[in-house]
Amino acid sequence: MTSTNGTATRNVRVEVEEVGDGRVAIAVLTIDDPAKLNAMGRTFWAEMREALATLEADGRTRAVIITGAGEKAFSAGGDIASFAELTDVTAKRAFQQDCMRTFAAVEETPLPVIAAVNGYAMGGGCELALACDVVVAADNAKFGMPESAVGLVPGFGVLRAPSVIGRHWTKLMMFSGERADAETALRIGLAQKVVPAADLMDTAREIAVRIAGMAPLALATGKNLVNRGVDRGEFDHSTAALTTLHATADAAEGIAAFVGKRAPKFEGR
């Protein structure tokens, strides 16, 4: 494989790598903010959608790998400090819709998407892995959905995790902030392979190259059929619920406590 081009936006780096005789390619999308553990900044959501749309349209890309820059994190999730900037209900709703559109873009793209999870996959990072088709985890990977600690819930995760890891594991992770290490993730179905961290990208690329040799229309049709039971109407319900929750005093307290690096004091209002 040879790298044919690379582009970077504020949060996402795109590299397209030729496969075989160069008629087809695979792409690596890297969440690129290691200093913030690849937190998903305000521009991330549109950038990920745009990157996928470009790859879908290029006629060559056959598989996509999503990973995080550096060795510490796939993604620590949404940039919680930026949540405090969402000062009215309209802005909160628009943000939730932006997130949901991005998870849906990953889930619905006809291109097979592999999550190569290095280190922490927390909150939105865990949800992004859930939206992917295959998850390869480094042996240092840790998955979690700790949004309740800041007065929120994982809007996409509560819809998708039950069908992947079961209702009770979803509730345990959501209620208590329980983290799943790589071996636990493999056991409960959140990851399909666990490999040494040094082998993560090579393993993900090997899978992507095998996929690239398959019939793309067959794969797109198969993906669509596997996902046929997905209820898109749930997105509207989740967005409405999250917008309401985001406007509560507890959410404001949780976000302020996180930014201030102190324990929150929730009052149930």
Foldseek 3Di string as FASTA:
>chain_A
DAWDDWDDDDFWIKIWAAFDPRQAIAMEIEGEDVVQQSAQEPPNLVVLLVVLVVLLPPNHHAAYEQAYPDQAWRYQYHPLLCLLVQDDLVSLLVSLVSLVVRLVSQQQRLHQYEYLTHHEQEQSSLLSLLSHDAYEYEQRYKYAYACVQLQFGRLSCCQRVCVQQNDVVSCCRGVPVDMAGPVSCCVRRSHVHYHHSVCRVVVVVVVSNVSSPDDSVVSSVVSCVVCVPRDPVSSVVSSVVRSVRCPDPSNVQSSVCVVVVHRGDDDPD
